[in-house]
Amino acid sequence: GLDKGFGFNKGFAAKYDLGDEVGRGHFGYTCAARIRKGARKGDAVAVKVIPKAKMTTSIAIEDVRREVKILKALAGHKNLVQFYDAYEDNENVYIVMELCEGGELLDRILSRGGKYSEDDAKSVLVQILNVVAFCHIQGVVHRDLKPENFLFTSKDENSQLKTIDFGLSDFVKPDERLNDIVGSAYYVAPEVLHRCYSTEADVWSIGVIAYILLCGSRPFWARTESGIFRSVLKADPSYNEAPWPSLTPEAMDFVKRLLSKDPRRRMTAAQALGHPWIRNYNDIKMPLDVLIFRLIKAYIRSSSLRKAALKALSKTLTVDELFYLKGQFSLLEPDRNGCITLDNIRMALTREATDAMKETRVQEILVSLSALQYRRMDFHEFCAAAVSVHQLEALDRWEQHARSAYEIFEKDGNRAIVIDELASELGLSPSVPLHVVLQDWIRHTDGKLSFLGFVKLLHAPAQLSKQGQD
């Protein structure tokens, strides 16, 4: 038979009086309870009760184990439901958490007749983005972000918002992709339906929540689940009906950049907090973004030609685009000469990581950046390393960016290149008929990179890493 022992504490009934049911989840139900004895006697808590009879597979048992592990790992964020302890007896597992008495975000949306003012929407979204950015730097994807899974701590209008229900969450390593389809149809990201996704999928769900908050209707809708999935994959949300025309252009840009169907073009949670629409709201502190470590890793492994191309591109960034990079760079606390080393990254990660994540997560990221060990990076190089080509491509002004970057590259970076060398730069296999493919990318007059070749080169490592994975 299955081993349903978790090693959690015994003696739940002696410590708590179980009260009324306050909610139902995937596997169990949640009740209010009171503490029976000790310093906090009489205090109210929430208890998630998961019947062992429902755990019919080893996967179900593993899910419960993981949920408790994630709650422990993420302890300490102000927008995260506080975890107190886990108990078990022969019948049930009991997860004891803080009781949030302010109701679901969903109910507040409905009671307001659907729409929020931009400022009220900001106050909700800042809290959601903060907690999700925190989960992502710890290497956790929530996978079920929706208005039912955010509770207010009290009935008060300005009450704090808390994320609950990590029952579908999972740990994800920096370069890992998950493949199981979980979540709720209206909020599920396109790449989840394609079974290849990571932390970006949570940001899509926040985009759906933002759309609903601002206009009161769902961006993707159909009568059946398969219809909703089709809409998520194919349809573009409408921004023509009221109230969109009366909202600020920044608000619409914010939502569109969360609801980008290509996860590589989507903003991260940390970037969203630096977006012009939201960044001046009540002194937001930008969190460390896990994306910069992925990009820096790809940059360190790039050829000198690609580094030159990225440096040229980074010189064309606007004030808004630099705002985020400056914020990230200062979180790494550069030295007096304005440089960072692997040590700065280690310290910044250690500062951000919860106790549970210090051993595993921080190590994984540092190992992936070990090539930085004997070198330092100033802000200019950091911009070249941490700029996301895909995200810039999503902007209307990408063409201008790329053209002016190419002009800079022409002055100090472009050089003659032979076809075989370019092919290996781009990770093309020798079986490809190279001359046909590459003739547009090299100028016939002087054998240097053409504009097309330059843009291809900016994208190079994506192709390189693909080969490594497939």
Protein backbone atom coordinates (compact mmCIF):
# COMPACT_ATOMS: atom_id res chain seq x y z
CA GLY A 1 0.00 0.00 0.00
CA LEU A 2 0.92 3.67 -0.18
CA ASP A 3 2.89 5.22 2.64
CA LYS A 4 0.77 8.11 3.85
CA GLY A 5 3.04 9.15 6.70
CA PHE A 6 4.47 12.64 6.23
CA GLY A 7 6.46 13.05 9.40
CA PHE A 8 4.32 16.06 10.36
CA ASN A 9 3.42 16.82 13.98
CA LYS A 10 0.81 14.78 15.81
CA GLY A 11 -1.67 16.14 18.34
CA PHE A 12 -3.61 18.57 16.16
CA ALA A 13 -6.89 18.05 18.06
CA ALA A 14 -5.28 18.86 21.40
CA LYS A 15 -4.08 22.24 20.14
CA TYR A 16 -6.92 23.47 17.92
CA ASP A 17 -10.71 23.64 17.89
CA LEU A 18 -11.94 23.27 14.32
CA GLY A 19 -14.76 25.66 13.35
CA ASP A 20 -16.78 26.36 10.20
CA GLU A 21 -15.69 25.61 6.69
CA VAL A 22 -14.52 28.78 4.89
CA GLY A 23 -13.45 27.45 1.49
CA ARG A 24 -12.85 24.42 -0.74
CA GLY A 25 -9.72 23.68 -2.75
CA HIS A 26 -8.55 21.01 -5.17
CA PHE A 27 -8.06 18.26 -2.63
CA GLY A 28 -9.31 19.49 0.69
CA TYR A 29 -11.34 22.11 2.46
CA THR A 30 -10.37 25.01 4.70
CA CYS A 31 -11.88 25.74 8.11
CA ALA A 32 -11.51 28.49 10.63
CA ALA A 33 -10.08 27.24 13.94
CA ARG A 34 -9.06 28.54 17.34
CA ILE A 35 -5.88 27.86 19.28
CA ARG A 36 -6.78 25.99 22.50
CA LYS A 37 -3.81 26.70 24.72
CA GLY A 38 -0.48 28.47 25.09
CA ALA A 39 0.52 32.09 24.57
CA ARG A 40 -1.80 32.55 21.62
CA LYS A 41 -4.83 30.85 23.18
CA GLY A 42 -8.08 31.93 21.55
CA ASP A 43 -6.42 33.28 18.38
CA ALA A 44 -8.11 32.45 15.08
CA VAL A 45 -6.26 30.55 12.34
CA ALA A 46 -7.16 28.86 9.07
CA VAL A 47 -6.69 25.12 8.70
CA LYS A 48 -6.57 23.36 5.37
CA VAL A 49 -7.77 19.79 5.91
CA ILE A 50 -6.67 17.22 3.31
CA PRO A 51 -8.27 13.78 3.80
CA LYS A 52 -5.79 10.93 3.40
CA ALA A 53 -8.55 8.87 1.78
CA LYS A 54 -8.33 11.24 -1.20
CA MET A 55 -4.61 10.56 -1.62
CA THR A 56 -4.98 7.55 -3.86
CA THR A 57 -1.70 7.86 -5.81
CA SER A 58 1.91 8.49 -4.92
CA ILE A 59 1.62 11.67 -7.02
CA ALA A 60 -1.17 12.99 -4.78
CA ILE A 61 0.97 12.29 -1.71
CA GLU A 62 3.94 14.03 -3.34
CA ASP A 63 1.71 17.05 -4.12
CA VAL A 64 0.81 17.51 -0.45
CA ARG A 65 4.42 17.13 0.59
CA ARG A 66 5.46 19.72 -1.99
CA GLU A 67 2.74 22.19 -1.00
CA VAL A 68 3.95 22.18 2.61
CA LYS A 69 7.57 22.41 1.47
CA ILE A 70 6.75 25.44 -0.71
CA LEU A 71 4.80 27.17 2.06
CA LYS A 72 7.80 26.69 4.35
CA ALA A 73 10.26 27.78 1.66
CA LEU A 74 8.41 31.01 0.93
CA ALA A 75 7.76 32.01 4.53
CA GLY A 76 8.07 35.67 5.35
CA HIS A 77 6.65 37.75 2.50
CA LYS A 78 4.00 40.26 3.55
CA ASN A 79 1.68 39.37 0.68
CA LEU A 80 1.89 35.65 1.28
CA VAL A 81 -0.44 33.81 3.58
CA GLN A 82 1.56 33.01 6.70
CA PHE A 83 2.26 29.33 7.31
CA TYR A 84 2.31 28.20 10.95
CA ASP A 85 2.61 24.40 10.99
CA ALA A 86 1.60 21.07 9.47
CA TYR A 87 -0.01 18.20 11.41
CA GLU A 88 -1.33 14.77 10.56
CA ASP A 89 -3.31 11.92 12.09
CA ASN A 90 -4.61 8.70 10.51
CA GLU A 91 -7.40 10.49 8.69
CA ASN A 92 -6.07 13.86 7.56
CA VAL A 93 -3.24 16.26 6.96
CA TYR A 94 -3.79 19.69 8.59
CA ILE A 95 -2.01 22.77 7.25
CA VAL A 96 -2.31 25.61 9.75
CA MET A 97 -2.13 29.13 8.29
CA GLU A 98 -3.11 32.68 9.05
CA LEU A 99 -6.84 33.36 8.73
CA CYS A 100 -7.70 36.09 6.19
CA GLU A 101 -11.12 37.49 6.98
CA GLY A 102 -11.50 40.03 4.19
CA GLY A 103 -12.83 37.70 1.50
CA GLU A 104 -11.58 36.93 -2.00
CA LEU A 105 -10.36 39.48 -4.51
CA LEU A 106 -12.99 37.94 -6.82
CA ASP A 107 -15.83 38.96 -4.50
CA ARG A 108 -14.51 42.50 -4.25
CA ILE A 109 -14.33 42.78 -8.02
CA LEU A 110 -17.91 41.56 -8.32
CA SER A 111 -19.22 43.79 -5.53
CA ARG A 112 -17.72 46.80 -7.29
CA GLY A 113 -19.70 46.01 -10.41
CA GLY A 114 -16.56 44.92 -12.14
CA LYS A 115 -14.27 47.85 -12.68
CA TYR A 116 -11.60 49.49 -10.63
CA SER A 117 -10.21 52.99 -11.06
CA GLU A 118 -6.62 52.89 -12.35
CA ASP A 119 -5.27 53.80 -8.92
CA ASP A 120 -7.29 51.11 -7.13
CA ALA A 121 -6.18 48.57 -9.73
CA LYS A 122 -2.57 49.63 -9.16
CA SER A 123 -2.81 49.04 -5.43
CA VAL A 124 -4.01 45.46 -6.03
CA LEU A 125 -1.55 44.72 -8.85
CA VAL A 126 1.50 46.05 -6.99
CA GLN A 127 0.82 43.55 -4.20
CA ILE A 128 0.27 40.68 -6.65
CA LEU A 129 3.42 41.53 -8.64
CA ASN A 130 5.51 41.86 -5.49
CA VAL A 131 4.63 38.44 -4.19
CA VAL A 132 4.98 36.78 -7.59
CA ALA A 133 8.40 38.36 -8.23
CA PHE A 134 9.38 37.05 -4.78
CA CYS A 135 8.20 33.51 -5.65
CA HIS A 136 10.10 33.62 -8.95
CA ILE A 137 13.44 34.65 -7.47
CA GLN A 138 13.02 31.74 -5.02
CA GLY A 139 12.41 29.44 -7.99
CA VAL A 140 8.72 28.79 -7.40
CA VAL A 141 5.97 29.09 -10.03
CA HIS A 142 2.50 29.43 -8.55
CA ARG A 143 0.61 28.11 -11.62
CA ASP A 144 -2.86 28.99 -10.35
CA LEU A 145 -3.00 32.77 -10.02
CA LYS A 146 -6.61 33.96 -10.21
CA PRO A 147 -8.76 36.36 -8.20
CA GLU A 148 -10.14 33.52 -6.04
CA ASN A 149 -6.62 32.79 -4.79
CA PHE A 150 -6.03 36.24 -3.35
CA LEU A 151 -7.61 37.05 -0.01
CA PHE A 152 -7.82 40.32 1.90
CA THR A 153 -6.69 40.17 5.52
CA SER A 154 -9.66 42.28 6.67
CA LYS A 155 -12.89 43.84 5.41
CA ASP A 156 -11.15 47.22 5.38
CA GLU A 157 -11.03 49.02 2.00
CA ASN A 158 -7.21 49.30 2.16
CA SER A 159 -6.69 45.83 3.53
CA GLN A 160 -3.56 43.93 2.57
CA LEU A 161 -3.83 41.23 -0.08
CA LYS A 162 -2.44 37.71 0.43
CA THR A 163 -1.75 34.91 -2.03
CA ILE A 164 -3.08 31.52 -0.95
CA ASP A 165 -3.20 27.99 -2.27
CA PHE A 166 0.15 26.73 -3.42
CA GLY A 167 -1.42 23.34 -4.12
CA LEU A 168 -0.50 23.50 -7.81
CA SER A 169 2.84 25.26 -7.38
CA ASP A 170 6.19 23.78 -8.28
CA PHE A 171 9.90 24.47 -8.05
CA VAL A 172 11.62 25.33 -11.32
CA LYS A 173 15.35 25.61 -11.99
CA PRO A 174 16.70 28.58 -13.98
CA ASP A 175 16.75 26.79 -17.35
CA GLU A 176 14.12 24.18 -16.69
CA ARG A 177 10.73 23.99 -18.43
CA LEU A 178 7.59 22.46 -16.94
CA ASN A 179 5.17 20.48 -19.10
CA ASP A 180 2.01 19.60 -17.18
CA ILE A 181 -1.17 21.53 -17.93
CA VAL A 182 -2.51 22.94 -14.68
CA GLY A 183 -4.38 26.05 -13.62
CA SER A 184 -7.74 27.57 -14.50
CA ALA A 185 -8.86 27.93 -18.11
CA TYR A 186 -9.48 31.68 -18.13
CA TYR A 187 -6.06 32.44 -16.66
CA VAL A 188 -3.86 29.83 -18.34
CA ALA A 189 -0.96 31.02 -20.52
CA PRO A 190 -0.60 29.87 -24.16
CA GLU A 191 2.76 28.19 -23.51
CA VAL A 192 1.21 26.08 -20.71
CA LEU A 193 -1.19 24.69 -23.33
CA HIS A 194 1.88 23.96 -25.47
CA ARG A 195 3.39 22.13 -22.45
CA CYS A 196 6.63 24.10 -22.28
CA TYR A 197 6.73 26.90 -19.74
CA SER A 198 8.34 28.48 -16.70
CA THR A 199 7.77 31.50 -14.44
CA GLU A 200 6.48 33.67 -17.33
CA ALA A 201 3.18 31.76 -17.23
CA ASP A 202 2.35 33.39 -13.88
CA VAL A 203 2.84 36.83 -15.41
CA TRP A 204 0.28 36.04 -18.12
CA SER A 205 -2.25 35.20 -15.40
CA ILE A 206 -1.54 38.55 -13.75
CA GLY A 207 -2.19 40.16 -17.16
CA VAL A 208 -5.61 38.50 -17.24
CA ILE A 209 -6.33 39.77 -13.70
CA ALA A 210 -5.17 43.29 -14.69
CA TYR A 211 -7.44 43.27 -17.76
CA ILE A 212 -10.42 42.22 -15.62
CA LEU A 213 -9.69 44.84 -12.94
CA LEU A 214 -9.46 47.66 -15.47
CA CYS A 215 -12.44 46.86 -17.66
CA GLY A 216 -14.62 44.36 -15.82
CA SER A 217 -14.68 41.67 -18.48
CA ARG A 218 -12.54 38.67 -19.34
CA PRO A 219 -9.96 38.98 -22.13
CA PHE A 220 -10.50 35.38 -23.31
CA TRP A 221 -13.95 33.90 -23.19
CA ALA A 222 -15.95 31.03 -24.66
CA ARG A 223 -18.74 28.71 -23.59
CA THR A 224 -16.56 25.62 -23.34
CA GLU A 225 -13.14 24.95 -21.92
CA SER A 226 -11.76 24.01 -25.33
CA GLY A 227 -13.22 27.23 -26.71
CA ILE A 228 -11.41 29.23 -24.01
CA PHE A 229 -8.14 27.43 -24.82
CA ARG A 230 -8.59 28.25 -28.52
CA SER A 231 -9.19 31.89 -27.62
CA VAL A 232 -6.09 32.00 -25.38
CA LEU A 233 -3.95 30.57 -28.18
CA LYS A 234 -5.38 32.52 -31.11
CA ALA A 235 -7.48 35.54 -30.12
CA ASP A 236 -6.29 39.03 -29.29
CA PRO A 237 -8.07 40.71 -26.40
CA SER A 238 -10.17 43.68 -27.39
CA TYR A 239 -9.10 47.17 -26.35
CA ASN A 240 -11.74 49.06 -28.36
CA GLU A 241 -14.80 48.92 -26.14
CA ALA A 242 -15.35 51.20 -23.16
CA PRO A 243 -13.65 51.85 -20.82
CA TRP A 244 -10.37 51.28 -22.74
CA PRO A 245 -10.50 54.47 -24.85
CA SER A 246 -10.84 56.54 -21.67
CA LEU A 247 -7.97 54.82 -19.83
CA THR A 248 -4.39 56.13 -19.96
CA PRO A 249 -2.19 54.80 -22.79
CA GLU A 250 0.27 53.55 -20.11
CA ALA A 251 -2.43 51.33 -18.57
CA MET A 252 -3.17 49.72 -21.90
CA ASP A 253 0.53 49.27 -22.69
CA PHE A 254 1.01 47.66 -19.26
CA VAL A 255 -1.70 45.06 -19.88
CA LYS A 256 -0.59 44.36 -23.46
CA ARG A 257 2.96 43.67 -22.34
CA LEU A 258 1.74 41.18 -19.74
CA LEU A 259 -0.56 39.49 -22.27
CA SER A 260 2.10 38.92 -24.91
CA LYS A 261 1.55 35.45 -26.36
CA ASP A 262 5.30 34.91 -26.75
CA PRO A 263 6.63 34.39 -23.20
CA ARG A 264 10.06 35.74 -24.21
CA ARG A 265 8.48 39.07 -25.14
CA ARG A 266 6.38 39.30 -21.97
CA MET A 267 7.45 41.53 -19.09
CA THR A 268 8.62 39.77 -15.93
CA ALA A 269 6.94 40.55 -12.60
CA ALA A 270 9.93 42.67 -11.57
CA GLN A 271 9.88 44.57 -14.88
CA ALA A 272 6.15 45.19 -14.54
CA LEU A 273 6.87 46.94 -11.22
CA GLY A 274 9.23 49.23 -13.15
CA HIS A 275 6.70 49.96 -15.91
CA PRO A 276 5.85 53.68 -16.28
CA TRP A 277 2.18 53.04 -15.44
CA ILE A 278 2.88 51.61 -12.01
CA ARG A 279 6.40 52.47 -10.90
CA ASN A 280 5.62 55.77 -9.19
CA TYR A 281 2.80 54.28 -7.12
CA ASN A 282 3.61 54.57 -3.37
CA ASP A 283 7.42 54.21 -3.50
CA ILE A 284 7.63 50.78 -5.07
CA LYS A 285 10.83 48.90 -4.45
CA MET A 286 11.90 46.95 -7.49
CA PRO A 287 12.73 43.33 -6.61
CA LEU A 288 15.68 41.40 -8.04
CA ASP A 289 14.66 39.82 -11.36
CA VAL A 290 15.62 36.23 -12.05
CA LEU A 291 15.59 37.03 -15.79
CA ILE A 292 18.83 39.03 -15.64
CA PHE A 293 20.74 35.92 -14.55
CA ARG A 294 19.44 33.94 -17.52
CA LEU A 295 20.43 36.73 -19.91
CA ILE A 296 23.87 37.30 -18.34
CA LYS A 297 24.57 33.58 -18.58
CA ALA A 298 23.80 33.64 -22.32
CA TYR A 299 25.89 36.79 -22.76
CA ILE A 300 29.01 35.36 -21.07
CA ARG A 301 28.83 32.37 -23.39
CA SER A 302 28.50 34.53 -26.52
CA SER A 303 31.21 35.22 -29.07
CA SER A 304 32.98 38.59 -29.08
CA LEU A 305 31.08 39.53 -32.23
CA ARG A 306 27.71 38.96 -30.58
CA LYS A 307 28.85 40.85 -27.48
CA ALA A 308 29.74 43.80 -29.72
CA ALA A 309 26.27 43.62 -31.31
CA LEU A 310 24.58 43.63 -27.89
CA LYS A 311 26.75 46.53 -26.71
CA ALA A 312 25.66 48.51 -29.75
CA LEU A 313 22.02 47.66 -29.02
CA SER A 314 22.31 48.66 -25.36
CA LYS A 315 23.52 52.12 -26.41
CA THR A 316 20.15 52.77 -28.06
CA LEU A 317 18.02 52.16 -24.95
CA THR A 318 15.56 54.84 -23.86
CA VAL A 319 15.26 56.31 -20.37
CA ASP A 320 12.34 53.98 -19.60
CA GLU A 321 14.26 50.89 -20.64
CA LEU A 322 17.30 51.97 -18.65
CA PHE A 323 15.17 52.57 -15.55
CA TYR A 324 14.77 48.83 -15.06
CA LEU A 325 18.41 48.01 -15.80
CA LYS A 326 19.62 50.72 -13.39
CA GLY A 327 17.33 49.34 -10.72
CA GLN A 328 18.62 45.80 -11.19
CA PHE A 329 22.25 46.90 -11.28
CA SER A 330 21.92 48.86 -8.04
CA LEU A 331 20.32 45.82 -6.35
CA LEU A 332 23.59 44.01 -7.08
CA GLU A 333 25.37 46.74 -5.06
CA PRO A 334 28.32 47.55 -7.34
CA ASP A 335 31.70 48.50 -5.79
CA ARG A 336 33.20 51.99 -5.61
CA ASN A 337 34.32 51.80 -9.24
CA GLY A 338 30.78 50.96 -10.32
CA CYS A 339 31.53 47.33 -11.17
CA ILE A 340 29.97 44.04 -10.13
CA THR A 341 31.58 40.62 -9.75
CA LEU A 342 30.27 37.16 -9.02
CA ASP A 343 30.55 38.04 -5.32
CA ASN A 344 28.10 40.91 -5.68
CA ILE A 345 25.64 38.53 -7.30
CA ARG A 346 26.18 35.98 -4.53
CA MET A 347 25.49 38.58 -1.85
CA ALA A 348 22.42 39.99 -3.59
CA LEU A 349 20.93 36.52 -4.04
CA THR A 350 21.71 35.53 -0.47
CA ARG A 351 20.00 38.69 0.73
CA GLU A 352 16.87 37.94 -1.32
CA ALA A 353 16.68 34.20 -0.69
CA THR A 354 14.58 32.71 2.07
CA ASP A 355 16.40 30.31 4.41
CA ALA A 356 15.00 27.31 2.60
CA MET A 357 16.32 28.52 -0.74
CA LYS A 358 19.80 29.64 0.32
CA GLU A 359 21.48 26.25 -0.22
CA THR A 360 19.78 25.10 -3.41
CA ARG A 361 18.57 28.04 -5.41
CA VAL A 362 21.46 30.45 -4.89
CA GLN A 363 23.97 27.72 -5.79
CA GLU A 364 22.16 26.84 -9.02
CA ILE A 365 22.30 30.43 -10.24
CA LEU A 366 25.92 30.96 -9.20
CA VAL A 367 27.05 27.77 -10.92
CA SER A 368 25.39 28.92 -14.14
CA LEU A 369 27.37 32.19 -13.92
CA SER A 370 30.71 30.69 -12.89
CA ALA A 371 32.38 32.14 -16.00
CA LEU A 372 32.09 35.56 -14.31
CA GLN A 373 34.43 34.36 -11.58
CA TYR A 374 37.55 36.19 -12.68
CA ARG A 375 36.05 39.30 -14.21
CA ARG A 376 34.09 42.39 -13.35
CA MET A 377 31.28 44.05 -15.23
CA ASP A 378 30.56 47.79 -15.36
CA PHE A 379 27.09 49.24 -15.96
CA HIS A 380 27.57 49.56 -19.74
CA GLU A 381 28.48 45.93 -20.11
CA PHE A 382 25.71 44.93 -17.69
CA CYS A 383 23.20 46.66 -20.00
CA ALA A 384 24.55 44.72 -22.97
CA ALA A 385 24.35 41.48 -20.98
CA ALA A 386 20.93 41.97 -19.36
CA VAL A 387 19.00 43.56 -22.22
CA SER A 388 16.29 41.30 -23.61
CA VAL A 389 16.27 41.38 -27.41
CA HIS A 390 12.91 39.60 -27.50
CA GLN A 391 11.26 42.17 -25.26
CA LEU A 392 12.63 45.07 -27.30
CA GLU A 393 11.30 43.38 -30.45
CA ALA A 394 7.80 43.55 -29.01
CA LEU A 395 7.96 47.37 -28.99
CA ASP A 396 6.64 49.54 -31.80
CA ARG A 397 10.00 51.28 -32.05
CA TRP A 398 12.05 48.08 -32.43
CA GLU A 399 12.91 48.90 -36.05
CA GLN A 400 14.45 52.27 -35.03
CA HIS A 401 16.31 50.63 -32.13
CA ALA A 402 17.79 48.00 -34.40
CA ARG A 403 18.71 50.47 -37.17
CA SER A 404 20.48 52.88 -34.82
CA ALA A 405 22.19 49.97 -33.08
CA TYR A 406 23.43 48.74 -36.46
CA GLU A 407 24.91 52.18 -37.20
CA ILE A 408 26.84 52.06 -33.92
CA PHE A 409 27.91 48.48 -34.66
CA GLU A 410 29.14 49.57 -38.11
CA LYS A 411 31.44 52.12 -36.45
CA ASP A 412 32.95 49.88 -33.79
CA GLY A 413 32.20 46.18 -34.05
CA ASN A 414 31.37 45.04 -37.53
CA ARG A 415 34.03 43.04 -39.32
CA ALA A 416 34.43 40.72 -42.26
CA ILE A 417 33.20 37.23 -41.48
CA VAL A 418 33.31 34.02 -43.48
CA ILE A 419 30.21 31.93 -43.92
CA ASP A 420 31.39 28.97 -41.84
CA GLU A 421 32.21 31.20 -38.92
CA LEU A 422 28.82 32.91 -39.06
CA ALA A 423 27.12 29.52 -39.26
CA SER A 424 28.79 28.36 -36.06
CA GLU A 425 27.99 31.75 -34.41
CA LEU A 426 24.33 31.11 -35.14
CA GLY A 427 24.46 27.45 -34.17
CA LEU A 428 23.48 26.21 -37.63
CA SER A 429 24.34 22.61 -38.31
CA PRO A 430 26.68 21.84 -41.24
CA SER A 431 23.86 20.00 -43.02
CA VAL A 432 22.07 23.29 -43.76
CA PRO A 433 22.91 24.59 -47.26
CA LEU A 434 24.78 27.54 -45.78
CA HIS A 435 25.28 29.74 -48.82
CA VAL A 436 21.58 29.84 -49.55
CA VAL A 437 20.65 30.63 -45.96
CA LEU A 438 23.40 33.08 -45.15
CA GLN A 439 23.84 35.07 -48.34
CA ASP A 440 21.47 37.84 -47.11
CA TRP A 441 23.32 38.13 -43.85
CA ILE A 442 26.75 38.97 -45.23
CA ARG A 443 27.32 42.05 -47.42
CA HIS A 444 28.75 41.11 -50.82
CA THR A 445 30.76 44.32 -51.06
CA ASP A 446 33.02 43.85 -48.04
CA GLY A 447 32.05 40.53 -46.43
CA LYS A 448 30.80 42.19 -43.24
CA LEU A 449 27.47 41.57 -41.51
CA SER A 450 24.43 43.10 -43.19
CA PHE A 451 21.61 44.62 -41.15
CA LEU A 452 19.73 41.30 -41.38
CA GLY A 453 22.80 39.43 -40.21
CA PHE A 454 23.17 41.83 -37.29
CA VAL A 455 19.61 41.22 -36.11
CA LYS A 456 20.09 37.45 -36.48
CA LEU A 457 23.26 37.66 -34.43
CA LEU A 458 21.44 39.46 -31.60
CA HIS A 459 19.24 36.37 -31.38
CA ALA A 460 22.04 33.84 -31.66
CA PRO A 461 22.11 32.07 -28.31
CA ALA A 462 18.44 31.22 -28.42
CA GLN A 463 19.27 29.03 -31.38
CA LEU A 464 22.37 27.65 -29.71
CA SER A 465 20.56 26.64 -26.55
CA LYS A 466 17.71 25.07 -28.52
CA GLN A 467 20.16 22.65 -30.10
CA GLY A 468 21.44 21.72 -26.69
CA GLN A 469 17.97 20.85 -25.40
CA ASP A 470 16.18 19.08 -28.20
